[in-house]
Amino acid sequence: MDKHKPSDEMIKDLDNILSKLNAMEIVASDDYQKSSIKIMRALVDGQMHSINEFQHLKKGMDLLMLQLFDVQNKVKS
């Protein structure tokens, strides 16, 4: 089983996909293609947002754990 890529690398890949989608939209010849590209862009934007929110959640959990350890040390002493 492959390991997940680091979040910075995933964001970079998604940003590259967005660039390609922008180029595709410029050369799109009909409304169907443009609508499909807009849907793909929304999905990529949502994925990027999810990765960023997960990073914020991880930081929040780390801060919470530090506070819990501080409280535990104060209770023991």
C-alpha atoms as a PDB file:
ATOM      1  CA  MET A   1       0.000   0.000   0.000  1.00  0.00           C
ATOM      2  CA  ASP A   2       1.378   3.389  -0.985  1.00  0.00           C
ATOM      3  CA  LYS A   3       1.832   6.088   1.604  1.00  0.00           C
ATOM      4  CA  HIS A   4       0.045   9.400   1.259  1.00  0.00           C
ATOM      5  CA  LYS A   5       1.952  12.300  -0.203  1.00  0.00           C
ATOM      6  CA  PRO A   6       2.774  15.198   2.123  1.00  0.00           C
ATOM      7  CA  SER A   7       0.109  17.888   2.114  1.00  0.00           C
ATOM      8  CA  ASP A   8       2.425  20.463   0.509  1.00  0.00           C
ATOM      9  CA  GLU A   9       3.012  18.108  -2.398  1.00  0.00           C
ATOM     10  CA  MET A  10      -0.707  17.388  -2.764  1.00  0.00           C
ATOM     11  CA  ILE A  11      -1.495  21.121  -2.796  1.00  0.00           C
ATOM     12  CA  LYS A  12       1.193  21.656  -5.441  1.00  0.00           C
ATOM     13  CA  ASP A  13      -0.292  18.859  -7.601  1.00  0.00           C
ATOM     14  CA  LEU A  14      -3.791  20.275  -7.222  1.00  0.00           C
ATOM     15  CA  ASP A  15      -2.535  23.743  -8.116  1.00  0.00           C
ATOM     16  CA  ASN A  16      -1.001  22.288 -11.286  1.00  0.00           C
ATOM     17  CA  ILE A  17      -4.340  20.670 -12.105  1.00  0.00           C
ATOM     18  CA  LEU A  18      -6.069  24.033 -11.653  1.00  0.00           C
ATOM     19  CA  SER A  19      -3.613  25.599 -14.090  1.00  0.00           C
ATOM     20  CA  LYS A  20      -4.385  22.904 -16.640  1.00  0.00           C
ATOM     21  CA  LEU A  21      -8.120  23.377 -16.125  1.00  0.00           C
ATOM     22  CA  ASN A  22      -7.733  27.114 -16.717  1.00  0.00           C
ATOM     23  CA  ALA A  23      -5.927  26.390 -19.989  1.00  0.00           C
ATOM     24  CA  MET A  24      -8.620  23.900 -20.988  1.00  0.00           C
ATOM     25  CA  GLU A  25     -11.326  26.475 -20.331  1.00  0.00           C
ATOM     26  CA  ILE A  26      -9.649  28.955 -22.657  1.00  0.00           C
ATOM     27  CA  VAL A  27      -9.685  26.511 -25.568  1.00  0.00           C
ATOM     28  CA  ALA A  28     -13.087  24.968 -24.771  1.00  0.00           C
ATOM     29  CA  SER A  29     -15.347  25.255 -27.769  1.00  0.00           C
ATOM     30  CA  ASP A  30     -18.831  24.762 -26.322  1.00  0.00           C
ATOM     31  CA  ASP A  31     -20.875  25.258 -23.176  1.00  0.00           C
ATOM     32  CA  TYR A  32     -20.738  21.552 -22.272  1.00  0.00           C
ATOM     33  CA  GLN A  33     -16.948  21.590 -22.099  1.00  0.00           C
ATOM     34  CA  LYS A  34     -16.911  24.849 -20.136  1.00  0.00           C
ATOM     35  CA  SER A  35     -19.482  23.497 -17.672  1.00  0.00           C
ATOM     36  CA  SER A  36     -17.501  20.283 -17.210  1.00  0.00           C
ATOM     37  CA  ILE A  37     -14.344  22.279 -16.514  1.00  0.00           C
ATOM     38  CA  LYS A  38     -16.188  24.409 -13.943  1.00  0.00           C
ATOM     39  CA  ILE A  39     -17.308  21.241 -12.166  1.00  0.00           C
ATOM     40  CA  MET A  40     -13.763  19.850 -12.161  1.00  0.00           C
ATOM     41  CA  ARG A  41     -12.441  23.182 -10.857  1.00  0.00           C
ATOM     42  CA  ALA A  42     -14.984  23.124  -8.019  1.00  0.00           C
ATOM     43  CA  LEU A  43     -13.898  19.594  -7.087  1.00  0.00           C
ATOM     44  CA  VAL A  44     -10.203  20.531  -7.087  1.00  0.00           C
ATOM     45  CA  ASP A  45     -10.904  23.678  -5.044  1.00  0.00           C
ATOM     46  CA  GLY A  46     -12.878  21.589  -2.559  1.00  0.00           C
ATOM     47  CA  GLN A  47     -10.028  19.098  -2.259  1.00  0.00           C
ATOM     48  CA  MET A  48      -7.530  21.892  -1.628  1.00  0.00           C
ATOM     49  CA  HIS A  49      -9.830  23.381   0.996  1.00  0.00           C
ATOM     50  CA  SER A  50     -10.181  19.985   2.704  1.00  0.00           C
ATOM     51  CA  ILE A  51      -6.400  19.547   2.864  1.00  0.00           C
ATOM     52  CA  ASN A  52      -5.963  23.030   4.340  1.00  0.00           C
ATOM     53  CA  GLU A  53      -8.733  22.465   6.906  1.00  0.00           C
ATOM     54  CA  PHE A  54      -7.183  19.150   7.900  1.00  0.00           C
ATOM     55  CA  GLN A  55      -3.872  20.929   8.526  1.00  0.00           C
ATOM     56  CA  HIS A  56      -5.657  23.441  10.779  1.00  0.00           C
ATOM     57  CA  LEU A  57      -7.355  20.588  12.622  1.00  0.00           C
ATOM     58  CA  LYS A  58      -4.017  18.838  13.192  1.00  0.00           C
ATOM     59  CA  LYS A  59      -2.508  22.037  14.605  1.00  0.00           C
ATOM     60  CA  GLY A  60      -5.495  22.522  16.891  1.00  0.00           C
ATOM     61  CA  MET A  61      -5.230  18.962  18.170  1.00  0.00           C
ATOM     62  CA  ASP A  62      -1.507  19.427  18.839  1.00  0.00           C
ATOM     63  CA  LEU A  63      -2.205  22.582  20.855  1.00  0.00           C
ATOM     64  CA  LEU A  64      -4.945  20.801  22.783  1.00  0.00           C
ATOM     65  CA  MET A  65      -2.601  17.923  23.629  1.00  0.00           C
ATOM     66  CA  LEU A  66       0.032  20.371  24.881  1.00  0.00           C
ATOM     67  CA  GLN A  67      -2.563  22.006  27.138  1.00  0.00           C
ATOM     68  CA  LEU A  68      -3.666  18.613  28.451  1.00  0.00           C
ATOM     69  CA  PHE A  69      -0.066  17.692  29.288  1.00  0.00           C
ATOM     70  CA  ASP A  70       0.383  21.031  31.079  1.00  0.00           C
ATOM     71  CA  VAL A  71      -2.752  20.403  33.157  1.00  0.00           C
ATOM     72  CA  GLN A  72      -1.645  16.844  33.903  1.00  0.00           C
ATOM     73  CA  ASN A  73       1.766  18.062  35.080  1.00  0.00           C
ATOM     74  CA  LYS A  74       0.183  20.717  37.306  1.00  0.00           C
ATOM     75  CA  VAL A  75      -2.178  18.158  38.857  1.00  0.00           C
ATOM     76  CA  LYS A  76       0.704  15.755  39.608  1.00  0.00           C
ATOM     77  CA  SER A  77       2.825  18.440  41.262  1.00  0.00           C
END
